[in-house]
Amino acid sequence: AEKQIKVLDCANVATSFPGFVDLARHCGIQVQEE
């Protein structure tokens, strides 16, 4: 991407992938929770 992407309503990620944000950051994806 060229600009920031804000992804809304992500609580349901926990249904299939607990710890997704931590693992994504660990491997290099620059994502934060709001």
PDB file of all heavy atoms in Angstrom:
ATOM      1  N   ALA A   1       0.828  -1.204   0.000  1.00  0.00           N
ATOM      2  CA  ALA A   1       0.000   0.000   0.000  1.00  0.00           C
ATOM      3  C   ALA A   1       0.863   1.255   0.000  1.00  0.00           C
ATOM      4  O   ALA A   1       2.005   1.255   0.470  1.00  0.00           O
ATOM      5  CB  ALA A   1      -0.926   0.009   1.213  1.00  0.00           C
ATOM      6  N   GLU A   2       0.299   2.339  -0.529  1.00  0.00           N
ATOM      7  CA  GLU A   2       0.973   3.636  -0.526  1.00  0.00           C
ATOM      8  C   GLU A   2       0.586   4.454   0.700  1.00  0.00           C
ATOM      9  O   GLU A   2       1.338   5.317   1.138  1.00  0.00           O
ATOM     10  CB  GLU A   2       0.595   4.428  -1.778  1.00  0.00           C
ATOM     11  CG  GLU A   2       1.092   3.816  -3.072  1.00  0.00           C
ATOM     12  CD  GLU A   2       0.624   4.591  -4.290  1.00  0.00           C
ATOM     13  OE1 GLU A   2      -0.484   5.182  -4.239  1.00  0.00           O
ATOM     14  OE2 GLU A   2       1.378   4.606  -5.270  1.00  0.00           O
ATOM     15  N   LYS A   3      -0.603   4.166   1.249  1.00  0.00           N
ATOM     16  CA  LYS A   3      -1.095   4.922   2.388  1.00  0.00           C
ATOM     17  C   LYS A   3      -1.618   3.955   3.454  1.00  0.00           C
ATOM     18  O   LYS A   3      -1.789   2.760   3.204  1.00  0.00           O
ATOM     19  CB  LYS A   3      -2.215   5.876   1.950  1.00  0.00           C
ATOM     20  CG  LYS A   3      -1.781   6.916   0.922  1.00  0.00           C
ATOM     21  CD  LYS A   3      -2.970   7.798   0.523  1.00  0.00           C
ATOM     22  CE  LYS A   3      -2.564   8.819  -0.521  1.00  0.00           C
ATOM     23  NZ  LYS A   3      -3.711   9.668  -0.950  1.00  0.00           N
ATOM     24  N   GLN A   4      -1.877   4.511   4.607  1.00  0.00           N
ATOM     25  CA  GLN A   4      -2.374   3.707   5.725  1.00  0.00           C
ATOM     26  C   GLN A   4      -3.734   3.092   5.416  1.00  0.00           C
ATOM     27  O   GLN A   4      -4.594   3.727   4.810  1.00  0.00           O
ATOM     28  CB  GLN A   4      -2.477   4.605   6.959  1.00  0.00           C
ATOM     29  CG  GLN A   4      -3.079   3.930   8.188  1.00  0.00           C
ATOM     30  CD  GLN A   4      -3.184   4.887   9.357  1.00  0.00           C
ATOM     31  OE1 GLN A   4      -2.202   5.187  10.011  1.00  0.00           O
ATOM     32  NE2 GLN A   4      -4.384   5.388   9.624  1.00  0.00           N
ATOM     33  N   ILE A   5      -3.923   1.851   5.838  1.00  0.00           N
ATOM     34  CA  ILE A   5      -5.212   1.165   5.712  1.00  0.00           C
ATOM     35  C   ILE A   5      -5.777   0.950   7.116  1.00  0.00           C
ATOM     36  O   ILE A   5      -5.102   0.383   7.977  1.00  0.00           O
ATOM     37  CB  ILE A   5      -5.075  -0.191   4.996  1.00  0.00           C
ATOM     38  CG1 ILE A   5      -4.545   0.011   3.575  1.00  0.00           C
ATOM     39  CG2 ILE A   5      -6.417  -0.931   4.967  1.00  0.00           C
ATOM     40  CD1 ILE A   5      -4.261  -1.295   2.839  1.00  0.00           C
ATOM     41  N   LYS A   6      -6.982   1.431   7.336  1.00  0.00           N
ATOM     42  CA  LYS A   6      -7.670   1.207   8.612  1.00  0.00           C
ATOM     43  C   LYS A   6      -8.738   0.150   8.394  1.00  0.00           C
ATOM     44  O   LYS A   6      -9.637   0.327   7.577  1.00  0.00           O
ATOM     45  CB  LYS A   6      -8.294   2.501   9.131  1.00  0.00           C
ATOM     46  CG  LYS A   6      -8.944   2.351  10.511  1.00  0.00           C
ATOM     47  CD  LYS A   6      -9.385   3.702  11.067  1.00  0.00           C
ATOM     48  CE  LYS A   6      -9.928   3.571  12.480  1.00  0.00           C
ATOM     49  NZ  LYS A   6     -10.305   4.900  13.053  1.00  0.00           N
ATOM     50  N   VAL A   7      -8.616  -0.942   9.119  1.00  0.00           N
ATOM     51  CA  VAL A   7      -9.547  -2.065   8.975  1.00  0.00           C
ATOM     52  C   VAL A   7     -10.479  -2.054  10.187  1.00  0.00           C
ATOM     53  O   VAL A   7     -10.030  -2.202  11.328  1.00  0.00           O
ATOM     54  CB  VAL A   7      -8.787  -3.404   8.883  1.00  0.00           C
ATOM     55  CG1 VAL A   7      -9.744  -4.538   8.543  1.00  0.00           C
ATOM     56  CG2 VAL A   7      -7.671  -3.321   7.842  1.00  0.00           C
ATOM     57  N   LEU A   8     -11.765  -1.875   9.943  1.00  0.00           N
ATOM     58  CA  LEU A   8     -12.732  -1.683  11.022  1.00  0.00           C
ATOM     59  C   LEU A   8     -13.293  -3.007  11.538  1.00  0.00           C
ATOM     60  O   LEU A   8     -13.421  -3.983  10.799  1.00  0.00           O
ATOM     61  CB  LEU A   8     -13.885  -0.799  10.532  1.00  0.00           C
ATOM     62  CG  LEU A   8     -13.504   0.558   9.930  1.00  0.00           C
ATOM     63  CD1 LEU A   8     -14.746   1.274   9.417  1.00  0.00           C
ATOM     64  CD2 LEU A   8     -12.774   1.418  10.948  1.00  0.00           C
ATOM     65  N   ASP A   9     -13.641  -3.027  12.813  1.00  0.00           N
ATOM     66  CA  ASP A   9     -14.376  -4.149  13.429  1.00  0.00           C
ATOM     67  C   ASP A   9     -13.644  -5.479  13.256  1.00  0.00           C
ATOM     68  O   ASP A   9     -14.103  -6.382  12.554  1.00  0.00           O
ATOM     69  CB  ASP A   9     -15.790  -4.247  12.855  1.00  0.00           C
ATOM     70  CG  ASP A   9     -16.622  -3.010  13.160  1.00  0.00           C
ATOM     71  OD1 ASP A   9     -16.422  -2.438  14.235  1.00  0.00           O
ATOM     72  OD2 ASP A   9     -17.442  -2.617  12.315  1.00  0.00           O
ATOM     73  N   CYS A  10     -12.516  -5.609  13.944  1.00  0.00           N
ATOM     74  CA  CYS A  10     -11.671  -6.801  13.790  1.00  0.00           C
ATOM     75  C   CYS A  10     -11.723  -7.745  14.991  1.00  0.00           C
ATOM     76  O   CYS A  10     -10.915  -8.668  15.078  1.00  0.00           O
ATOM     77  CB  CYS A  10     -10.224  -6.373  13.546  1.00  0.00           C
ATOM     78  SG  CYS A  10      -9.995  -5.328  12.094  1.00  0.00           S
ATOM     79  N   ALA A  11     -12.654  -7.533  15.929  1.00  0.00           N
ATOM     80  CA  ALA A  11     -12.695  -8.380  17.125  1.00  0.00           C
ATOM     81  C   ALA A  11     -12.868  -9.852  16.773  1.00  0.00           C
ATOM     82  O   ALA A  11     -12.340 -10.735  17.456  1.00  0.00           O
ATOM     83  CB  ALA A  11     -13.828  -7.928  18.049  1.00  0.00           C
ATOM     84  N   ASN A  12     -13.592 -10.128  15.678  1.00  0.00           N
ATOM     85  CA  ASN A  12     -13.866 -11.523  15.330  1.00  0.00           C
ATOM     86  C   ASN A  12     -12.658 -12.275  14.797  1.00  0.00           C
ATOM     87  O   ASN A  12     -12.748 -13.478  14.544  1.00  0.00           O
ATOM     88  CB  ASN A  12     -15.008 -11.599  14.301  1.00  0.00           C
ATOM     89  CG  ASN A  12     -16.372 -11.575  14.969  1.00  0.00           C
ATOM     90  OD1 ASN A  12     -16.482 -11.882  16.147  1.00  0.00           O
ATOM     91  ND2 ASN A  12     -17.391 -11.215  14.233  1.00  0.00           N
ATOM     92  N   VAL A  13     -11.516 -11.603  14.615  1.00  0.00           N
ATOM     93  CA  VAL A  13     -10.301 -12.330  14.228  1.00  0.00           C
ATOM     94  C   VAL A  13      -9.990 -13.409  15.260  1.00  0.00           C
ATOM     95  O   VAL A  13      -9.441 -14.468  14.935  1.00  0.00           O
ATOM     96  CB  VAL A  13      -9.116 -11.353  14.063  1.00  0.00           C
ATOM     97  CG1 VAL A  13      -7.789 -12.094  13.953  1.00  0.00           C
ATOM     98  CG2 VAL A  13      -9.327 -10.492  12.816  1.00  0.00           C
ATOM     99  N   ALA A  14     -10.373 -13.159  16.516  1.00  0.00           N
ATOM    100  CA  ALA A  14     -10.139 -14.146  17.573  1.00  0.00           C
ATOM    101  C   ALA A  14     -10.904 -15.437  17.355  1.00  0.00           C
ATOM    102  O   ALA A  14     -10.588 -16.448  17.989  1.00  0.00           O
ATOM    103  CB  ALA A  14     -10.515 -13.552  18.932  1.00  0.00           C
ATOM    104  N   THR A  15     -11.894 -15.445  16.472  1.00  0.00           N
ATOM    105  CA  THR A  15     -12.638 -16.684  16.222  1.00  0.00           C
ATOM    106  C   THR A  15     -11.753 -17.756  15.602  1.00  0.00           C
ATOM    107  O   THR A  15     -11.940 -18.938  15.846  1.00  0.00           O
ATOM    108  CB  THR A  15     -13.849 -16.438  15.300  1.00  0.00           C
ATOM    109  OG1 THR A  15     -13.384 -15.996  14.022  1.00  0.00           O
ATOM    110  CG2 THR A  15     -14.777 -15.394  15.880  1.00  0.00           C
ATOM    111  N   SER A  16     -10.788 -17.350  14.762  1.00  0.00           N
ATOM    112  CA  SER A  16      -9.983 -18.351  14.065  1.00  0.00           C
ATOM    113  C   SER A  16      -8.492 -18.188  14.264  1.00  0.00           C
ATOM    114  O   SER A  16      -7.738 -19.132  14.055  1.00  0.00           O
ATOM    115  CB  SER A  16     -10.276 -18.298  12.559  1.00  0.00           C
ATOM    116  OG  SER A  16      -9.820 -17.072  11.997  1.00  0.00           O
ATOM    117  N   PHE A  17      -8.031 -16.974  14.650  1.00  0.00           N
ATOM    118  CA  PHE A  17      -6.591 -16.731  14.679  1.00  0.00           C
ATOM    119  C   PHE A  17      -6.228 -15.876  15.887  1.00  0.00           C
ATOM    120  O   PHE A  17      -5.843 -14.713  15.753  1.00  0.00           O
ATOM    121  CB  PHE A  17      -6.158 -16.030  13.395  1.00  0.00           C
ATOM    122  CG  PHE A  17      -4.694 -16.211  13.043  1.00  0.00           C
ATOM    123  CD1 PHE A  17      -4.296 -16.353  11.722  1.00  0.00           C
ATOM    124  CD2 PHE A  17      -3.706 -16.219  14.025  1.00  0.00           C
ATOM    125  CE1 PHE A  17      -2.962 -16.508  11.386  1.00  0.00           C
ATOM    126  CE2 PHE A  17      -2.373 -16.382  13.711  1.00  0.00           C
ATOM    127  CZ  PHE A  17      -1.994 -16.514  12.387  1.00  0.00           C
ATOM    128  N   PRO A  18      -6.301 -16.445  17.106  1.00  0.00           N
ATOM    129  CA  PRO A  18      -5.842 -15.685  18.274  1.00  0.00           C
ATOM    130  C   PRO A  18      -4.360 -15.362  18.121  1.00  0.00           C
ATOM    131  O   PRO A  18      -3.575 -16.189  17.680  1.00  0.00           O
ATOM    132  CB  PRO A  18      -6.097 -16.654  19.437  1.00  0.00           C
ATOM    133  CG  PRO A  18      -6.148 -18.017  18.815  1.00  0.00           C
ATOM    134  CD  PRO A  18      -6.717 -17.821  17.443  1.00  0.00           C
ATOM    135  N   GLY A  19      -3.979 -14.149  18.443  1.00  0.00           N
ATOM    136  CA  GLY A  19      -2.583 -13.754  18.335  1.00  0.00           C
ATOM    137  C   GLY A  19      -2.150 -13.335  16.950  1.00  0.00           C
ATOM    138  O   GLY A  19      -0.953 -13.201  16.681  1.00  0.00           O
ATOM    139  N   PHE A  20      -3.111 -13.070  16.053  1.00  0.00           N
ATOM    140  CA  PHE A  20      -2.760 -12.708  14.672  1.00  0.00           C
ATOM    141  C   PHE A  20      -1.898 -11.454  14.611  1.00  0.00           C
ATOM    142  O   PHE A  20      -0.876 -11.417  13.913  1.00  0.00           O
ATOM    143  CB  PHE A  20      -4.033 -12.501  13.847  1.00  0.00           C
ATOM    144  CG  PHE A  20      -3.781 -11.850  12.507  1.00  0.00           C
ATOM    145  CD1 PHE A  20      -3.199 -12.559  11.470  1.00  0.00           C
ATOM    146  CD2 PHE A  20      -4.118 -10.509  12.289  1.00  0.00           C
ATOM    147  CE1 PHE A  20      -2.950 -11.962  10.237  1.00  0.00           C
ATOM    148  CE2 PHE A  20      -3.880  -9.907  11.063  1.00  0.00           C
ATOM    149  CZ  PHE A  20      -3.290 -10.634  10.041  1.00  0.00           C
ATOM    150  N   VAL A  21      -2.281 -10.421  15.342  1.00  0.00           N
ATOM    151  CA  VAL A  21      -1.543  -9.159  15.267  1.00  0.00           C
ATOM    152  C   VAL A  21      -0.105  -9.338  15.757  1.00  0.00           C
ATOM    153  O   VAL A  21       0.841  -8.849  15.142  1.00  0.00           O
ATOM    154  CB  VAL A  21      -2.273  -8.060  16.066  1.00  0.00           C
ATOM    155  CG1 VAL A  21      -1.384  -6.829  16.250  1.00  0.00           C
ATOM    156  CG2 VAL A  21      -3.561  -7.668  15.352  1.00  0.00           C
ATOM    157  N   ASP A  22       0.067 -10.062  16.849  1.00  0.00           N
ATOM    158  CA  ASP A  22       1.423 -10.279  17.375  1.00  0.00           C
ATOM    159  C   ASP A  22       2.288 -11.031  16.369  1.00  0.00           C
ATOM    160  O   ASP A  22       3.458 -10.677  16.149  1.00  0.00           O
ATOM    161  CB  ASP A  22       1.358 -11.060  18.687  1.00  0.00           C
ATOM    162  CG  ASP A  22       0.786 -10.232  19.832  1.00  0.00           C
ATOM    163  OD1 ASP A  22       0.797  -8.991  19.723  1.00  0.00           O
ATOM    164  OD2 ASP A  22       0.316 -10.832  20.815  1.00  0.00           O
ATOM    165  N   LEU A  23       1.734 -12.070  15.761  1.00  0.00           N
ATOM    166  CA  LEU A  23       2.507 -12.851  14.794  1.00  0.00           C
ATOM    167  C   LEU A  23       2.782 -12.036  13.534  1.00  0.00           C
ATOM    168  O   LEU A  23       3.885 -12.098  12.965  1.00  0.00           O
ATOM    169  CB  LEU A  23       1.756 -14.144  14.442  1.00  0.00           C
ATOM    170  CG  LEU A  23       2.532 -15.162  13.595  1.00  0.00           C
ATOM    171  CD1 LEU A  23       3.853 -15.530  14.257  1.00  0.00           C
ATOM    172  CD2 LEU A  23       1.689 -16.414  13.373  1.00  0.00           C
ATOM    173  N   ALA A  24       1.798 -11.257  13.094  1.00  0.00           N
ATOM    174  CA  ALA A  24       1.987 -10.410  11.915  1.00  0.00           C
ATOM    175  C   ALA A  24       3.118  -9.412  12.147  1.00  0.00           C
ATOM    176  O   ALA A  24       3.991  -9.221  11.284  1.00  0.00           O
ATOM    177  CB  ALA A  24       0.684  -9.686  11.574  1.00  0.00           C
ATOM    178  N   ARG A  25       3.118  -8.778  13.318  1.00  0.00           N
ATOM    179  CA  ARG A  25       4.188  -7.822  13.620  1.00  0.00           C
ATOM    180  C   ARG A  25       5.540  -8.527  13.715  1.00  0.00           C
ATOM    181  O   ARG A  25       6.565  -7.992  13.290  1.00  0.00           O
ATOM    182  CB  ARG A  25       3.879  -7.087  14.932  1.00  0.00           C
ATOM    183  CG  ARG A  25       2.785  -6.041  14.804  1.00  0.00           C
ATOM    184  CD  ARG A  25       2.883  -5.011  15.918  1.00  0.00           C
ATOM    185  NE  ARG A  25       2.617  -5.612  17.220  1.00  0.00           N
ATOM    186  CZ  ARG A  25       1.507  -5.411  17.912  1.00  0.00           C
ATOM    187  NH1 ARG A  25       0.539  -4.658  17.416  1.00  0.00           N
ATOM    188  NH2 ARG A  25       1.345  -5.963  19.089  1.00  0.00           N
ATOM    189  N   HIS A  26       5.536  -9.726  14.278  1.00  0.00           N
ATOM    190  CA  HIS A  26       6.777 -10.482  14.457  1.00  0.00           C
ATOM    191  C   HIS A  26       7.472 -10.761  13.124  1.00  0.00           C
ATOM    192  O   HIS A  26       8.703 -10.710  13.041  1.00  0.00           O
ATOM    193  CB  HIS A  26       6.475 -11.809  15.170  1.00  0.00           C
ATOM    194  CG  HIS A  26       7.647 -12.727  15.273  1.00  0.00           C
ATOM    195  ND1 HIS A  26       8.679 -12.517  16.152  1.00  0.00           N
ATOM    196  CD2 HIS A  26       7.956 -13.874  14.582  1.00  0.00           C
ATOM    197  CE1 HIS A  26       9.579 -13.488  16.007  1.00  0.00           C
ATOM    198  NE2 HIS A  26       9.161 -14.313  15.075  1.00  0.00           N
ATOM    199  N   CYS A  27       6.663 -11.013  12.099  1.00  0.00           N
ATOM    200  CA  CYS A  27       7.283 -11.347  10.810  1.00  0.00           C
ATOM    201  C   CYS A  27       7.457 -10.123   9.912  1.00  0.00           C
ATOM    202  O   CYS A  27       8.033 -10.242   8.825  1.00  0.00           O
ATOM    203  CB  CYS A  27       6.505 -12.443  10.098  1.00  0.00           C
ATOM    204  SG  CYS A  27       4.943 -11.916   9.387  1.00  0.00           S
ATOM    205  N   GLY A  28       6.960  -8.941  10.336  1.00  0.00           N
ATOM    206  CA  GLY A  28       7.268  -7.740   9.576  1.00  0.00           C
ATOM    207  C   GLY A  28       6.100  -6.880   9.140  1.00  0.00           C
ATOM    208  O   GLY A  28       6.300  -5.777   8.616  1.00  0.00           O
ATOM    209  N   ILE A  29       4.855  -7.335   9.320  1.00  0.00           N
ATOM    210  CA  ILE A  29       3.701  -6.516   8.938  1.00  0.00           C
ATOM    211  C   ILE A  29       3.497  -5.439   9.999  1.00  0.00           C
ATOM    212  O   ILE A  29       3.458  -5.720  11.187  1.00  0.00           O
ATOM    213  CB  ILE A  29       2.434  -7.379   8.796  1.00  0.00           C
ATOM    214  CG1 ILE A  29       2.641  -8.456   7.724  1.00  0.00           C
ATOM    215  CG2 ILE A  29       1.225  -6.521   8.447  1.00  0.00           C
ATOM    216  CD1 ILE A  29       1.495  -9.440   7.608  1.00  0.00           C
ATOM    217  N   GLN A  30       3.375  -4.197   9.554  1.00  0.00           N
ATOM    218  CA  GLN A  30       3.281  -3.070  10.481  1.00  0.00           C
ATOM    219  C   GLN A  30       1.807  -2.772  10.784  1.00  0.00           C
ATOM    220  O   GLN A  30       1.159  -1.991  10.090  1.00  0.00           O
ATOM    221  CB  GLN A  30       3.977  -1.847   9.879  1.00  0.00           C
ATOM    222  CG  GLN A  30       5.460  -2.102   9.599  1.00  0.00           C
ATOM    223  CD  GLN A  30       6.138  -0.909   8.962  1.00  0.00           C
ATOM    224  OE1 GLN A  30       6.051   0.202   9.478  1.00  0.00           O
ATOM    225  NE2 GLN A  30       6.820  -1.136   7.849  1.00  0.00           N
ATOM    226  N   VAL A  31       1.300  -3.413  11.819  1.00  0.00           N
ATOM    227  CA  VAL A  31      -0.111  -3.274  12.169  1.00  0.00           C
ATOM    228  C   VAL A  31      -0.243  -3.073  13.670  1.00  0.00           C
ATOM    229  O   VAL A  31       0.486  -3.679  14.459  1.00  0.00           O
ATOM    230  CB  VAL A  31      -0.933  -4.511  11.706  1.00  0.00           C
ATOM    231  CG1 VAL A  31      -0.375  -5.794  12.298  1.00  0.00           C
ATOM    232  CG2 VAL A  31      -2.409  -4.352  12.052  1.00  0.00           C
ATOM    233  N   GLN A  32      -1.174  -2.211  14.048  1.00  0.00           N
ATOM    234  CA  GLN A  32      -1.457  -1.949  15.455  1.00  0.00           C
ATOM    235  C   GLN A  32      -2.960  -2.088  15.700  1.00  0.00           C
ATOM    236  O   GLN A  32      -3.770  -1.869  14.797  1.00  0.00           O
ATOM    237  CB  GLN A  32      -1.015  -0.528  15.841  1.00  0.00           C
ATOM    238  CG  GLN A  32       0.454  -0.238  15.621  1.00  0.00           C
ATOM    239  CD  GLN A  32       1.353  -0.993  16.566  1.00  0.00           C
ATOM    240  OE1 GLN A  32       0.957  -1.295  17.693  1.00  0.00           O
ATOM    241  NE2 GLN A  32       2.571  -1.294  16.119  1.00  0.00           N
ATOM    242  N   GLU A  33      -3.316  -2.433  16.930  1.00  0.00           N
ATOM    243  CA  GLU A  33      -4.727  -2.483  17.315  1.00  0.00           C
ATOM    244  C   GLU A  33      -5.170  -1.134  17.860  1.00  0.00           C
ATOM    245  O   GLU A  33      -4.431  -0.464  18.569  1.00  0.00           O
ATOM    246  CB  GLU A  33      -4.967  -3.551  18.389  1.00  0.00           C
ATOM    247  CG  GLU A  33      -4.884  -4.968  17.883  1.00  0.00           C
ATOM    248  CD  GLU A  33      -5.283  -5.979  18.941  1.00  0.00           C
ATOM    249  OE1 GLU A  33      -5.287  -5.613  20.131  1.00  0.00           O
ATOM    250  OE2 GLU A  33      -5.578  -7.112  18.575  1.00  0.00           O
ATOM    251  N   GLU A  34      -6.393  -0.767  17.529  1.00  0.00           N
ATOM    252  CA  GLU A  34      -7.026   0.432  18.073  1.00  0.00           C
ATOM    253  C   GLU A  34      -8.324  -0.012  18.738  1.00  0.00           C
ATOM    254  O   GLU A  34      -9.222  -0.520  18.081  1.00  0.00           O
ATOM    255  CB  GLU A  34      -7.316   1.429  16.950  1.00  0.00           C
ATOM    256  CG  GLU A  34      -8.068   2.666  17.407  1.00  0.00           C
ATOM    257  CD  GLU A  34      -8.498   3.530  16.232  1.00  0.00           C
ATOM    258  OE1 GLU A  34      -9.502   3.183  15.582  1.00  0.00           O
ATOM    259  OE2 GLU A  34      -7.821   4.533  15.964  1.00  0.00           O
TER     260      GLU A  34
END
